[in-house]
């Protein structure tokens, strides 16, 4: 129960940070899109490092169904536990979006109108997810203590070098579709984003298995 709750709460905090900082950035940037994106990027990378440091000893701090799926595929996480993690991540992400709306006194229930679609965006999501999974497994294999910082820095960078601003997370993608704010994505764009993320993850899992063979899960 503690492990599943850690995944729920960590993902909630992550989405509260992503959406909340996006709202704040849009309000303060004065219409400067680059400045707004930067102000959205830095809190996201920072909170990821903090949350992983906080919750990794409990649950592994996945906060991402793709990471849980990859760990299960590599034999590092039992499949029933992975399923519980993924459910917690999705519901936690939605709770985090709603909390951001309440903090900024916005309507709780929203649907995003921000269209994010097209081959470049889909390729960007596959690339972003591919790199994220390699970051997690590569650092875990050689320098586990660096994982929180590596993941935070990777996402900070990927916000800027990918056309999609690097969602790289189905729970984040779904939750952000429920916020008509700076960080939102129109619900119609969610399935293609998630499919691209799964394809990127599949490629990275195979490569990670070759580069860093995994030890089986102990429980």
C-alpha atoms as a PDB file:
ATOM      1  CA  UNK A   1       0.000   0.000   0.000  1.00  0.00           C
ATOM      2  CA  UNK A   2       2.841   2.401   0.786  1.00  0.00           C
ATOM      3  CA  UNK A   3       4.482   1.767  -2.574  1.00  0.00           C
ATOM      4  CA  UNK A   4       1.289   2.316  -4.557  1.00  0.00           C
ATOM      5  CA  UNK A   5       0.443   5.438  -2.553  1.00  0.00           C
ATOM      6  CA  UNK A   6       3.943   6.793  -3.171  1.00  0.00           C
ATOM      7  CA  UNK A   7       3.361   6.412  -6.921  1.00  0.00           C
ATOM      8  CA  UNK A   8      -0.018   8.130  -6.647  1.00  0.00           C
ATOM      9  CA  UNK A   9       1.241  11.043  -4.564  1.00  0.00           C
ATOM     10  CA  UNK A  10       4.446  11.497  -6.551  1.00  0.00           C
ATOM     11  CA  UNK A  11       2.575  11.627  -9.860  1.00  0.00           C
ATOM     12  CA  UNK A  12       0.052  14.054  -8.344  1.00  0.00           C
ATOM     13  CA  UNK A  13       2.858  16.384  -7.272  1.00  0.00           C
ATOM     14  CA  UNK A  14       4.493  16.080 -10.691  1.00  0.00           C
ATOM     15  CA  UNK A  15       1.329  17.133 -12.521  1.00  0.00           C
ATOM     16  CA  UNK A  16       0.584  19.882 -10.026  1.00  0.00           C
ATOM     17  CA  UNK A  17       4.058  21.236 -10.788  1.00  0.00           C
ATOM     18  CA  UNK A  18       3.730  20.887 -14.574  1.00  0.00           C
ATOM     19  CA  UNK A  19       0.289  22.458 -14.824  1.00  0.00           C
ATOM     20  CA  UNK A  20       0.694  24.948 -11.970  1.00  0.00           C
ATOM     21  CA  UNK A  21       3.995  26.293 -13.263  1.00  0.00           C
ATOM     22  CA  UNK A  22       2.472  26.510 -16.730  1.00  0.00           C
ATOM     23  CA  UNK A  23      -0.392  28.632 -15.425  1.00  0.00           C
ATOM     24  CA  UNK A  24       1.976  30.858 -13.466  1.00  0.00           C
ATOM     25  CA  UNK A  25       4.347  31.161 -16.427  1.00  0.00           C
ATOM     26  CA  UNK A  26       1.585  32.166 -18.806  1.00  0.00           C
ATOM     27  CA  UNK A  27       0.336  34.816 -16.383  1.00  0.00           C
ATOM     28  CA  UNK A  28       3.754  36.346 -15.749  1.00  0.00           C
ATOM     29  CA  UNK A  29       5.495  35.998 -19.140  1.00  0.00           C
ATOM     30  CA  UNK A  30       3.547  38.820 -20.769  1.00  0.00           C
ATOM     31  CA  UNK A  31       2.919  36.887 -23.959  1.00  0.00           C
ATOM     32  CA  UNK A  32       6.550  35.789 -24.403  1.00  0.00           C
ATOM     33  CA  UNK A  33       6.203  32.137 -25.373  1.00  0.00           C
ATOM     34  CA  UNK A  34       9.876  31.278 -24.954  1.00  0.00           C
ATOM     35  CA  UNK A  35       9.955  32.749 -21.457  1.00  0.00           C
ATOM     36  CA  UNK A  36       6.757  30.929 -20.531  1.00  0.00           C
ATOM     37  CA  UNK A  37       8.200  27.616 -21.715  1.00  0.00           C
ATOM     38  CA  UNK A  38      11.398  28.197 -19.760  1.00  0.00           C
ATOM     39  CA  UNK A  39       9.388  29.009 -16.636  1.00  0.00           C
ATOM     40  CA  UNK A  40       7.423  25.787 -17.142  1.00  0.00           C
ATOM     41  CA  UNK A  41      10.541  23.719 -17.835  1.00  0.00           C
ATOM     42  CA  UNK A  42      12.657  24.553 -14.794  1.00  0.00           C
ATOM     43  CA  UNK A  43      10.080  23.632 -12.110  1.00  0.00           C
ATOM     44  CA  UNK A  44       9.296  20.389 -13.936  1.00  0.00           C
ATOM     45  CA  UNK A  45      12.921  19.239 -13.991  1.00  0.00           C
ATOM     46  CA  UNK A  46      13.462  20.358 -10.412  1.00  0.00           C
ATOM     47  CA  UNK A  47      10.387  18.639  -8.976  1.00  0.00           C
ATOM     48  CA  UNK A  48      11.290  15.393 -10.742  1.00  0.00           C
ATOM     49  CA  UNK A  49      14.652  15.266  -8.980  1.00  0.00           C
ATOM     50  CA  UNK A  50      13.043  16.027  -5.614  1.00  0.00           C
ATOM     51  CA  UNK A  51      10.250  13.477  -6.026  1.00  0.00           C
ATOM     52  CA  UNK A  52      12.616  10.705  -7.114  1.00  0.00           C
ATOM     53  CA  UNK A  53      14.882  11.387  -4.146  1.00  0.00           C
ATOM     54  CA  UNK A  54      11.855  11.327  -1.853  1.00  0.00           C
ATOM     55  CA  UNK A  55       9.993   8.283  -3.118  1.00  0.00           C
ATOM     56  CA  UNK A  56      12.601   6.045  -4.786  1.00  0.00           C
ATOM     57  CA  UNK A  57      13.329   4.173  -1.538  1.00  0.00           C
ATOM     58  CA  UNK A  58       9.621   3.291  -1.286  1.00  0.00           C
ATOM     59  CA  UNK A  59       8.390   2.546  -4.797  1.00  0.00           C
ATOM     60  CA  UNK A  60      11.254   3.211  -7.176  1.00  0.00           C
ATOM     61  CA  UNK A  61       9.654   6.577  -8.049  1.00  0.00           C
ATOM     62  CA  UNK A  62       8.400   5.694 -11.510  1.00  0.00           C
ATOM     63  CA  UNK A  63       5.538   8.236 -11.830  1.00  0.00           C
ATOM     64  CA  UNK A  64       5.168   6.989 -15.393  1.00  0.00           C
ATOM     65  CA  UNK A  65       3.335   3.910 -16.747  1.00  0.00           C
ATOM     66  CA  UNK A  66       6.048   3.524 -19.397  1.00  0.00           C
ATOM     67  CA  UNK A  67       8.751   3.188 -16.719  1.00  0.00           C
ATOM     68  CA  UNK A  68       6.657   0.666 -14.763  1.00  0.00           C
ATOM     69  CA  UNK A  69       5.954  -1.284 -17.949  1.00  0.00           C
ATOM     70  CA  UNK A  70       9.641  -1.265 -18.874  1.00  0.00           C
ATOM     71  CA  UNK A  71      10.674  -2.467 -15.405  1.00  0.00           C
ATOM     72  CA  UNK A  72       8.147  -5.290 -15.589  1.00  0.00           C
ATOM     73  CA  UNK A  73       9.318  -6.249 -19.090  1.00  0.00           C
ATOM     74  CA  UNK A  74      12.904  -6.426 -17.796  1.00  0.00           C
ATOM     75  CA  UNK A  75      11.866  -8.602 -14.848  1.00  0.00           C
ATOM     76  CA  UNK A  76      12.584  -5.896 -12.286  1.00  0.00           C
ATOM     77  CA  UNK A  77       8.965  -5.443 -11.173  1.00  0.00           C
ATOM     78  CA  UNK A  78       6.210  -8.065 -10.840  1.00  0.00           C
ATOM     79  CA  UNK A  79       3.440  -7.535 -13.374  1.00  0.00           C
ATOM     80  CA  UNK A  80       0.623  -7.262 -10.760  1.00  0.00           C
ATOM     81  CA  UNK A  81       2.595  -4.546  -8.975  1.00  0.00           C
ATOM     82  CA  UNK A  82       3.195  -2.768 -12.278  1.00  0.00           C
ATOM     83  CA  UNK A  83      -0.552  -2.759 -12.957  1.00  0.00           C
ATOM     84  CA  UNK A  84      -1.236  -1.200  -9.553  1.00  0.00           C
ATOM     85  CA  UNK A  85       1.473   1.374 -10.153  1.00  0.00           C
ATOM     86  CA  UNK A  86       0.000   2.355 -13.510  1.00  0.00           C
ATOM     87  CA  UNK A  87      -3.490   2.791 -12.062  1.00  0.00           C
ATOM     88  CA  UNK A  88      -2.062   4.925  -9.258  1.00  0.00           C
ATOM     89  CA  UNK A  89      -0.083   7.038 -11.715  1.00  0.00           C
ATOM     90  CA  UNK A  90      -3.091   7.791 -13.918  1.00  0.00           C
ATOM     91  CA  UNK A  91      -5.397   8.699 -11.030  1.00  0.00           C
ATOM     92  CA  UNK A  92      -2.652  10.610  -9.229  1.00  0.00           C
ATOM     93  CA  UNK A  93      -1.917  12.633 -12.352  1.00  0.00           C
ATOM     94  CA  UNK A  94      -5.552  13.667 -12.678  1.00  0.00           C
ATOM     95  CA  UNK A  95      -5.660  14.621  -8.989  1.00  0.00           C
ATOM     96  CA  UNK A  96      -2.556  16.764  -9.459  1.00  0.00           C
ATOM     97  CA  UNK A  97      -4.109  18.638 -12.395  1.00  0.00           C
ATOM     98  CA  UNK A  98      -7.244  19.306 -10.377  1.00  0.00           C
ATOM     99  CA  UNK A  99      -5.170  20.545  -7.445  1.00  0.00           C
ATOM    100  CA  UNK A 100      -3.382  23.000  -9.736  1.00  0.00           C
ATOM    101  CA  UNK A 101      -6.729  24.285 -10.989  1.00  0.00           C
ATOM    102  CA  UNK A 102      -7.972  24.784  -7.424  1.00  0.00           C
ATOM    103  CA  UNK A 103      -4.795  26.595  -6.346  1.00  0.00           C
ATOM    104  CA  UNK A 104      -5.153  29.064  -9.221  1.00  0.00           C
ATOM    105  CA  UNK A 105      -8.928  29.354  -8.780  1.00  0.00           C
ATOM    106  CA  UNK A 106      -9.750  27.876 -12.175  1.00  0.00           C
ATOM    107  CA  UNK A 107     -12.656  25.553 -13.008  1.00  0.00           C
ATOM    108  CA  UNK A 108     -11.891  22.052 -11.765  1.00  0.00           C
ATOM    109  CA  UNK A 109     -13.115  20.184 -14.835  1.00  0.00           C
ATOM    110  CA  UNK A 110     -11.629  21.272 -18.154  1.00  0.00           C
ATOM    111  CA  UNK A 111     -10.738  19.823 -21.532  1.00  0.00           C
ATOM    112  CA  UNK A 112      -7.737  21.235 -23.335  1.00  0.00           C
ATOM    113  CA  UNK A 113      -8.147  22.970 -26.674  1.00  0.00           C
ATOM    114  CA  UNK A 114      -4.409  22.968 -27.477  1.00  0.00           C
ATOM    115  CA  UNK A 115      -3.865  20.881 -30.617  1.00  0.00           C
ATOM    116  CA  UNK A 116      -0.673  18.839 -30.565  1.00  0.00           C
ATOM    117  CA  UNK A 117      -0.499  16.519 -33.562  1.00  0.00           C
ATOM    118  CA  UNK A 118       1.432  15.685 -36.702  1.00  0.00           C
ATOM    119  CA  UNK A 119       4.373  13.459 -37.667  1.00  0.00           C
ATOM    120  CA  UNK A 120       6.973  15.748 -36.091  1.00  0.00           C
ATOM    121  CA  UNK A 121       5.164  15.763 -32.748  1.00  0.00           C
ATOM    122  CA  UNK A 122       4.699  12.002 -32.794  1.00  0.00           C
ATOM    123  CA  UNK A 123       8.327  11.378 -33.673  1.00  0.00           C
ATOM    124  CA  UNK A 124       9.328  13.768 -30.899  1.00  0.00           C
ATOM    125  CA  UNK A 125       7.336  11.759 -28.359  1.00  0.00           C
ATOM    126  CA  UNK A 126       8.954   8.508 -29.503  1.00  0.00           C
ATOM    127  CA  UNK A 127      12.420  10.071 -29.267  1.00  0.00           C
ATOM    128  CA  UNK A 128      11.691  11.685 -25.888  1.00  0.00           C
ATOM    129  CA  UNK A 129      10.459   8.409 -24.400  1.00  0.00           C
ATOM    130  CA  UNK A 130      13.302   6.408 -25.937  1.00  0.00           C
ATOM    131  CA  UNK A 131      15.846   8.730 -24.320  1.00  0.00           C
ATOM    132  CA  UNK A 132      14.062   8.808 -20.970  1.00  0.00           C
ATOM    133  CA  UNK A 133      14.036   5.015 -20.618  1.00  0.00           C
ATOM    134  CA  UNK A 134      17.701   4.804 -21.599  1.00  0.00           C
ATOM    135  CA  UNK A 135      18.490   7.492 -19.014  1.00  0.00           C
ATOM    136  CA  UNK A 136      16.709   5.544 -16.281  1.00  0.00           C
ATOM    137  CA  UNK A 137      18.260   2.163 -17.029  1.00  0.00           C
ATOM    138  CA  UNK A 138      21.693   3.418 -18.015  1.00  0.00           C
ATOM    139  CA  UNK A 139      22.143   5.451 -14.853  1.00  0.00           C
ATOM    140  CA  UNK A 140      20.548   2.751 -12.677  1.00  0.00           C
ATOM    141  CA  UNK A 141      23.035   0.201 -13.984  1.00  0.00           C
ATOM    142  CA  UNK A 142      26.186   2.213 -13.331  1.00  0.00           C
ATOM    143  CA  UNK A 143      25.448   5.210 -11.071  1.00  0.00           C
ATOM    144  CA  UNK A 144      22.111   4.717  -9.267  1.00  0.00           C
ATOM    145  CA  UNK A 145      22.611   7.769  -7.058  1.00  0.00           C
ATOM    146  CA  UNK A 146      22.603   9.951 -10.175  1.00  0.00           C
ATOM    147  CA  UNK A 147      19.163   8.834 -11.397  1.00  0.00           C
ATOM    148  CA  UNK A 148      17.131  11.655  -9.783  1.00  0.00           C
ATOM    149  CA  UNK A 149      19.345  14.348 -11.244  1.00  0.00           C
ATOM    150  CA  UNK A 150      19.768  12.625 -14.597  1.00  0.00           C
ATOM    151  CA  UNK A 151      16.009  12.239 -15.095  1.00  0.00           C
ATOM    152  CA  UNK A 152      15.328  15.829 -14.047  1.00  0.00           C
ATOM    153  CA  UNK A 153      18.023  17.142 -16.353  1.00  0.00           C
ATOM    154  CA  UNK A 154      16.954  14.936 -19.257  1.00  0.00           C
ATOM    155  CA  UNK A 155      13.362  16.169 -19.087  1.00  0.00           C
ATOM    156  CA  UNK A 156      14.582  19.762 -18.739  1.00  0.00           C
ATOM    157  CA  UNK A 157      16.622  19.354 -21.920  1.00  0.00           C
ATOM    158  CA  UNK A 158      13.957  17.382 -23.788  1.00  0.00           C
ATOM    159  CA  UNK A 159      11.403  20.149 -23.212  1.00  0.00           C
ATOM    160  CA  UNK A 160      13.543  22.183 -25.606  1.00  0.00           C
ATOM    161  CA  UNK A 161      14.995  19.763 -28.145  1.00  0.00           C
ATOM    162  CA  UNK A 162      11.736  17.918 -28.941  1.00  0.00           C
ATOM    163  CA  UNK A 163       8.895  19.415 -30.969  1.00  0.00           C
ATOM    164  CA  UNK A 164       6.331  18.100 -28.482  1.00  0.00           C
ATOM    165  CA  UNK A 165       8.078  19.466 -25.344  1.00  0.00           C
ATOM    166  CA  UNK A 166       8.603  15.884 -24.172  1.00  0.00           C
ATOM    167  CA  UNK A 167       5.526  14.492 -22.461  1.00  0.00           C
ATOM    168  CA  UNK A 168       7.113  10.992 -22.557  1.00  0.00           C
ATOM    169  CA  UNK A 169       4.512   9.680 -20.106  1.00  0.00           C
ATOM    170  CA  UNK A 170       0.973   8.357 -20.801  1.00  0.00           C
ATOM    171  CA  UNK A 171      -0.305   9.393 -17.351  1.00  0.00           C
ATOM    172  CA  UNK A 172       1.016  12.923 -17.862  1.00  0.00           C
ATOM    173  CA  UNK A 173      -0.442  13.039 -21.371  1.00  0.00           C
ATOM    174  CA  UNK A 174      -3.906  11.976 -20.236  1.00  0.00           C
ATOM    175  CA  UNK A 175      -3.899  14.290 -17.222  1.00  0.00           C
ATOM    176  CA  UNK A 176      -2.767  17.297 -19.270  1.00  0.00           C
ATOM    177  CA  UNK A 177      -5.686  16.767 -21.640  1.00  0.00           C
ATOM    178  CA  UNK A 178      -7.903  17.734 -18.679  1.00  0.00           C
ATOM    179  CA  UNK A 179      -6.388  21.212 -18.368  1.00  0.00           C
ATOM    180  CA  UNK A 180      -7.134  23.992 -20.846  1.00  0.00           C
ATOM    181  CA  UNK A 181      -4.001  25.862 -19.801  1.00  0.00           C
ATOM    182  CA  UNK A 182      -0.457  26.392 -21.079  1.00  0.00           C
ATOM    183  CA  UNK A 183       0.508  22.743 -20.509  1.00  0.00           C
ATOM    184  CA  UNK A 184      -2.595  21.209 -22.054  1.00  0.00           C
ATOM    185  CA  UNK A 185      -3.095  18.841 -24.970  1.00  0.00           C
ATOM    186  CA  UNK A 186      -6.424  18.384 -26.742  1.00  0.00           C
ATOM    187  CA  UNK A 187      -7.941  14.963 -25.936  1.00  0.00           C
ATOM    188  CA  UNK A 188      -7.977  14.053 -29.636  1.00  0.00           C
ATOM    189  CA  UNK A 189      -4.172  14.140 -29.635  1.00  0.00           C
ATOM    190  CA  UNK A 190      -3.724  11.794 -26.671  1.00  0.00           C
ATOM    191  CA  UNK A 191      -3.980   8.361 -28.397  1.00  0.00           C
ATOM    192  CA  UNK A 192      -1.297   9.150 -30.992  1.00  0.00           C
ATOM    193  CA  UNK A 193       1.013  10.584 -28.333  1.00  0.00           C
ATOM    194  CA  UNK A 194       0.625   7.482 -26.171  1.00  0.00           C
ATOM    195  CA  UNK A 195       1.201   5.164 -29.135  1.00  0.00           C
ATOM    196  CA  UNK A 196       4.382   7.062 -30.020  1.00  0.00           C
ATOM    197  CA  UNK A 197       5.531   6.809 -26.412  1.00  0.00           C
ATOM    198  CA  UNK A 198       4.956   3.049 -26.409  1.00  0.00           C
ATOM    199  CA  UNK A 199       6.896   2.633 -29.650  1.00  0.00           C
ATOM    200  CA  UNK A 200       9.804   4.661 -28.305  1.00  0.00           C
ATOM    201  CA  UNK A 201       9.740   2.690 -25.082  1.00  0.00           C
ATOM    202  CA  UNK A 202       9.706  -0.638 -26.928  1.00  0.00           C
ATOM    203  CA  UNK A 203      12.824   0.294 -28.861  1.00  0.00           C
ATOM    204  CA  UNK A 204      14.615   1.513 -25.744  1.00  0.00           C
ATOM    205  CA  UNK A 205      13.721  -1.586 -23.701  1.00  0.00           C
ATOM    206  CA  UNK A 206      15.334  -3.795 -26.321  1.00  0.00           C
ATOM    207  CA  UNK A 207      18.460  -1.665 -26.459  1.00  0.00           C
ATOM    208  CA  UNK A 208      18.672  -1.392 -22.671  1.00  0.00           C
ATOM    209  CA  UNK A 209      18.440  -5.185 -22.380  1.00  0.00           C
ATOM    210  CA  UNK A 210      21.470  -5.488 -24.632  1.00  0.00           C
ATOM    211  CA  UNK A 211      23.529  -2.720 -23.038  1.00  0.00           C
ATOM    212  CA  UNK A 212      22.612  -3.287 -19.378  1.00  0.00           C
ATOM    213  CA  UNK A 213      21.187  -6.785 -18.697  1.00  0.00           C
ATOM    214  CA  UNK A 214      18.835  -6.674 -15.731  1.00  0.00           C
ATOM    215  CA  UNK A 215      18.769  -8.830 -12.620  1.00  0.00           C
ATOM    216  CA  UNK A 216      15.316 -10.372 -11.964  1.00  0.00           C
ATOM    217  CA  UNK A 217      12.997  -8.859  -9.391  1.00  0.00           C
ATOM    218  CA  UNK A 218      13.301 -10.209  -5.853  1.00  0.00           C
ATOM    219  CA  UNK A 219       9.607  -9.698  -5.111  1.00  0.00           C
END
